[in-house]
N, C-alpha and C. Protein backbone atom coordinates (compact mmCIF):
# COMPACT_ATOMS: atom_id res chain seq x y z
N MET A 1 55.85 13.59 -52.00
CA MET A 1 57.39 13.85 -51.67
C MET A 1 57.75 12.55 -50.98
N SER A 2 59.58 12.38 -50.99
CA SER A 2 60.02 11.22 -50.64
C SER A 2 59.87 10.88 -49.59
N GLU A 3 60.03 9.65 -49.16
CA GLU A 3 60.54 8.90 -48.23
C GLU A 3 61.59 9.16 -47.41
N ASN A 4 62.47 9.88 -47.72
CA ASN A 4 63.79 10.61 -47.26
C ASN A 4 63.64 12.15 -46.49
N ILE A 5 62.50 12.40 -47.09
CA ILE A 5 62.49 13.93 -46.57
C ILE A 5 61.18 13.81 -45.39
N ILE A 6 61.91 14.64 -44.41
CA ILE A 6 60.91 14.47 -43.17
C ILE A 6 61.06 16.38 -42.68
N THR A 7 60.11 16.53 -41.34
CA THR A 7 60.04 17.82 -40.96
C THR A 7 60.00 17.52 -39.66
N LEU A 8 61.04 18.50 -39.35
CA LEU A 8 61.30 18.66 -38.16
C LEU A 8 60.86 19.97 -37.46
N ILE A 9 60.45 20.18 -36.19
CA ILE A 9 60.01 20.79 -35.23
C ILE A 9 60.79 21.74 -34.22
N ASP A 10 61.82 22.77 -34.73
CA ASP A 10 62.46 23.02 -33.81
C ASP A 10 61.58 23.58 -32.43
N GLU A 11 62.51 24.02 -31.21
CA GLU A 11 61.93 24.42 -30.00
C GLU A 11 61.29 25.67 -30.29
N ASN A 12 61.17 26.33 -31.39
CA ASN A 12 60.59 27.93 -31.16
C ASN A 12 59.23 27.38 -32.35
N GLY A 13 58.90 26.16 -32.66
CA GLY A 13 57.94 25.57 -33.21
C GLY A 13 57.78 25.89 -34.91
N GLU A 14 58.86 26.03 -35.41
CA GLU A 14 58.89 26.30 -36.80
C GLU A 14 59.62 24.84 -37.64
N GLU A 15 59.31 24.67 -38.43
CA GLU A 15 58.85 23.74 -39.29
C GLU A 15 60.29 23.99 -40.36
N SER A 16 61.09 22.71 -40.66
CA SER A 16 62.21 22.69 -41.58
C SER A 16 61.95 21.48 -42.34
N LEU A 17 62.30 21.17 -43.29
CA LEU A 17 62.86 20.10 -44.09
C LEU A 17 63.70 20.08 -44.13
N PHE A 18 64.20 18.53 -43.69
CA PHE A 18 65.55 17.62 -44.15
C PHE A 18 65.23 16.69 -44.49
N GLU A 19 66.28 16.05 -45.51
CA GLU A 19 66.60 14.88 -46.15
C GLU A 19 67.11 13.73 -45.32
N ILE A 20 67.04 12.52 -45.03
CA ILE A 20 67.39 11.65 -44.61
C ILE A 20 68.67 10.90 -45.60
N ILE A 21 69.99 11.44 -45.59
CA ILE A 21 71.07 11.07 -46.80
C ILE A 21 71.59 9.61 -45.97
N LEU A 22 71.35 9.16 -44.81
CA LEU A 22 72.16 7.89 -44.77
C LEU A 22 71.72 7.14 -43.34
N SER A 23 71.59 5.84 -43.19
CA SER A 23 71.50 5.48 -42.04
C SER A 23 72.50 4.67 -41.81
N LEU A 24 72.91 4.26 -40.33
CA LEU A 24 74.14 3.63 -40.18
C LEU A 24 73.70 3.29 -38.54
N GLU A 25 74.51 2.04 -38.38
CA GLU A 25 74.44 1.30 -36.83
C GLU A 25 76.41 1.41 -36.35
N ALA A 26 75.84 2.33 -35.03
CA ALA A 26 77.31 2.42 -34.58
C ALA A 26 76.83 1.79 -32.94
N GLU A 27 77.79 0.79 -32.13
CA GLU A 27 77.97 0.02 -31.06
C GLU A 27 76.28 -0.32 -31.03
N GLY A 28 75.51 -0.63 -32.09
CA GLY A 28 74.26 -1.27 -31.25
C GLY A 28 73.35 -0.80 -31.39
N LYS A 29 73.39 0.73 -32.06
CA LYS A 29 72.13 1.66 -32.18
C LYS A 29 72.22 2.12 -33.36
N ASP A 30 71.13 2.65 -33.77
CA ASP A 30 70.95 2.88 -35.36
C ASP A 30 71.12 4.72 -34.98
N TYR A 31 71.09 5.55 -36.24
CA TYR A 31 71.41 6.72 -36.62
C TYR A 31 70.82 7.14 -37.91
N ALA A 32 70.76 8.39 -37.70
CA ALA A 32 70.17 9.07 -39.13
C ALA A 32 71.11 10.24 -39.10
N ILE A 33 71.57 10.32 -40.30
CA ILE A 33 72.57 11.32 -40.94
C ILE A 33 71.16 12.27 -41.46
N LEU A 34 71.21 13.72 -41.44
CA LEU A 34 70.28 14.46 -41.70
C LEU A 34 71.21 15.76 -42.71
N VAL A 35 70.17 16.43 -43.50
CA VAL A 35 70.59 17.79 -44.01
C VAL A 35 69.52 18.71 -44.41
N PRO A 36 69.60 20.00 -43.95
CA PRO A 36 68.38 20.65 -44.27
C PRO A 36 68.22 20.80 -45.89
N LEU A 37 67.09 21.34 -46.06
CA LEU A 37 66.61 21.29 -47.67
C LEU A 37 66.24 22.69 -47.54
N ASN A 38 65.70 23.56 -46.95
CA ASN A 38 65.43 24.66 -46.79
C ASN A 38 66.75 25.98 -46.48
N ASP A 39 67.39 25.69 -45.80
CA ASP A 39 68.58 27.09 -45.15
C ASP A 39 69.46 26.42 -46.41
N GLU A 40 69.37 27.64 -47.69
CA GLU A 40 70.90 27.05 -48.37
C GLU A 40 72.49 27.70 -47.73
N GLU A 41 72.01 28.64 -46.46
CA GLU A 41 73.41 28.86 -45.94
C GLU A 41 73.86 27.95 -45.21
N ASP A 42 72.74 26.96 -44.34
CA ASP A 42 73.48 25.99 -43.65
C ASP A 42 73.64 24.39 -44.18
N ASP A 43 74.82 24.13 -44.50
CA ASP A 43 74.46 22.48 -45.27
C ASP A 43 75.22 21.62 -44.35
N ASP A 44 75.20 21.97 -42.74
CA ASP A 44 76.08 21.20 -41.78
C ASP A 44 74.93 20.05 -41.57
N ALA A 45 75.41 18.62 -41.80
CA ALA A 45 74.50 17.95 -41.10
C ALA A 45 74.10 17.26 -39.47
N LEU A 46 73.16 17.18 -39.93
CA LEU A 46 73.09 16.74 -38.55
C LEU A 46 72.71 14.83 -37.93
N ILE A 47 72.88 14.43 -36.89
CA ILE A 47 73.38 13.53 -36.63
C ILE A 47 72.21 12.84 -35.38
N PHE A 48 71.12 11.83 -35.76
CA PHE A 48 70.18 11.63 -34.53
C PHE A 48 70.17 10.33 -34.35
N ARG A 49 70.11 9.99 -33.10
CA ARG A 49 69.84 8.78 -33.03
C ARG A 49 68.14 8.35 -33.31
N ILE A 50 68.34 6.70 -33.61
CA ILE A 50 66.45 6.77 -33.91
C ILE A 50 66.29 5.65 -32.85
N ASP A 51 65.58 5.97 -31.81
CA ASP A 51 65.10 5.45 -30.61
C ASP A 51 63.62 4.98 -30.96
N LYS A 52 62.68 4.01 -30.21
CA LYS A 52 61.55 3.77 -30.43
C LYS A 52 60.21 4.06 -29.41
N ASP A 53 59.78 4.58 -29.48
CA ASP A 53 58.45 4.91 -28.13
C ASP A 53 57.20 4.20 -28.89
N GLU A 54 56.65 4.43 -27.57
CA GLU A 54 55.10 3.43 -28.24
C GLU A 54 54.18 3.80 -29.54
N LYS A 55 55.01 4.97 -30.16
CA LYS A 55 54.13 5.12 -31.32
C LYS A 55 54.68 4.76 -32.77
N GLY A 56 56.58 4.40 -32.62
CA GLY A 56 57.31 3.94 -33.50
C GLY A 56 58.65 4.69 -33.16
N GLU A 57 59.11 4.88 -34.74
CA GLU A 57 60.11 5.67 -34.17
C GLU A 57 60.51 6.91 -34.20
N ILE A 58 61.44 7.24 -33.61
CA ILE A 58 61.60 8.69 -32.93
C ILE A 58 63.12 8.82 -33.11
N LEU A 59 62.99 10.32 -33.76
CA LEU A 59 64.92 11.07 -33.72
C LEU A 59 65.28 11.91 -32.62
N VAL A 60 66.19 10.97 -31.87
CA VAL A 60 66.50 11.67 -30.48
C VAL A 60 67.90 12.49 -30.83
N PRO A 61 67.92 13.93 -30.78
CA PRO A 61 69.64 14.42 -30.85
C PRO A 61 70.43 14.00 -29.99
N ILE A 62 71.63 13.92 -30.11
CA ILE A 62 72.76 13.30 -30.00
C ILE A 62 73.31 14.46 -28.93
N GLU A 63 73.32 14.42 -27.66
CA GLU A 63 74.19 15.39 -26.86
C GLU A 63 75.36 15.04 -26.27
N ASP A 64 75.58 13.83 -25.90
CA ASP A 64 76.75 12.63 -25.70
C ASP A 64 77.85 13.14 -26.73
N ASP A 65 78.87 13.63 -26.30
CA ASP A 65 80.02 14.48 -27.23
C ASP A 65 80.64 12.60 -27.71
N GLU A 66 80.89 12.42 -27.05
CA GLU A 66 81.73 11.02 -27.01
C GLU A 66 80.86 10.05 -27.90
N GLU A 67 79.21 9.85 -27.68
CA GLU A 67 78.70 9.07 -28.75
C GLU A 67 78.65 9.89 -29.89
N TYR A 68 78.61 10.92 -30.26
CA TYR A 68 78.57 11.85 -31.70
C TYR A 68 79.85 11.31 -31.77
N GLN A 69 80.83 11.23 -31.57
CA GLN A 69 82.32 11.04 -32.34
C GLN A 69 82.51 9.75 -32.58
N ILE A 70 81.89 9.03 -31.77
CA ILE A 70 82.13 7.35 -32.13
C ILE A 70 80.81 7.43 -33.97
N VAL A 71 79.51 8.46 -33.74
CA VAL A 71 78.82 8.22 -35.07
C VAL A 71 79.59 9.12 -35.94
N VAL A 72 80.36 9.90 -35.59
CA VAL A 72 81.39 10.42 -36.48
C VAL A 72 82.66 9.82 -37.37
N ASP A 73 82.43 8.98 -36.72
CA ASP A 73 84.00 8.18 -36.87
C ASP A 73 83.44 7.19 -38.02
N VAL A 74 82.36 6.46 -37.76
CA VAL A 74 81.91 5.27 -38.66
C VAL A 74 81.44 5.72 -39.65
N TYR A 75 80.55 7.21 -39.62
CA TYR A 75 80.24 7.63 -41.23
C TYR A 75 81.37 7.78 -41.53
N GLU A 76 82.61 8.95 -41.28
CA GLU A 76 83.82 9.01 -42.15
C GLU A 76 84.34 7.60 -42.98
N THR A 77 84.47 6.24 -41.87
CA THR A 77 84.99 5.03 -42.33
C THR A 77 83.99 4.59 -43.43
N LEU A 78 82.43 4.88 -43.12
CA LEU A 78 81.87 4.41 -44.64
C LEU A 78 82.27 5.41 -45.53
N MET A 79 82.33 6.52 -45.73
CA MET A 79 82.39 7.27 -46.69
C MET A 79 84.15 6.77 -47.54
N GLU A 80 84.75 6.92 -46.58
CA GLU A 80 86.49 6.09 -46.68
C GLU A 80 86.30 4.88 -48.06
N GLU A 81 85.42 4.16 -47.52
CA GLU A 81 85.39 2.85 -48.07
C GLU A 81 84.82 3.08 -49.86
N GLU A 82 83.93 4.00 -49.52
CA GLU A 82 83.21 3.89 -50.68
C GLU A 82 83.71 5.16 -51.97
N GLY A 83 84.87 5.93 -51.42
CA GLY A 83 86.01 6.51 -52.08
C GLY A 83 85.14 8.13 -51.79
N LEU A 84 84.23 8.34 -51.36
CA LEU A 84 83.85 9.49 -50.70
C LEU A 84 84.22 10.43 -50.25
N TYR A 85 85.08 10.06 -49.09
CA TYR A 85 85.79 10.91 -48.73
C TYR A 85 87.67 11.02 -48.31
N GLU A 86 87.97 11.86 -48.05
CA GLU A 86 89.17 12.22 -47.78
C GLU A 86 89.48 13.61 -46.85
N GLU A 87 90.38 12.80 -46.08
CA GLU A 87 90.83 13.85 -44.71
C GLU A 87 91.61 14.96 -45.59
């Protein structure tokens, strides 16, 4: 399986496959943009902060609206620079 495919477990213990489509840095922190692979109905991207613990890198959900918006702004800027995003 591709190294960009990961399994996340939700609060109900359900496993879902996601593809990491992009990792980026915003304000000195690293983030990963993920899209679900198992759910054709839900194609919304999810944003996680990449933190480190004693076992290595972990994905942490962003719960702060301001932090989320900063990452979205950086993502949109990157996509605009690549010609992949238009408002």
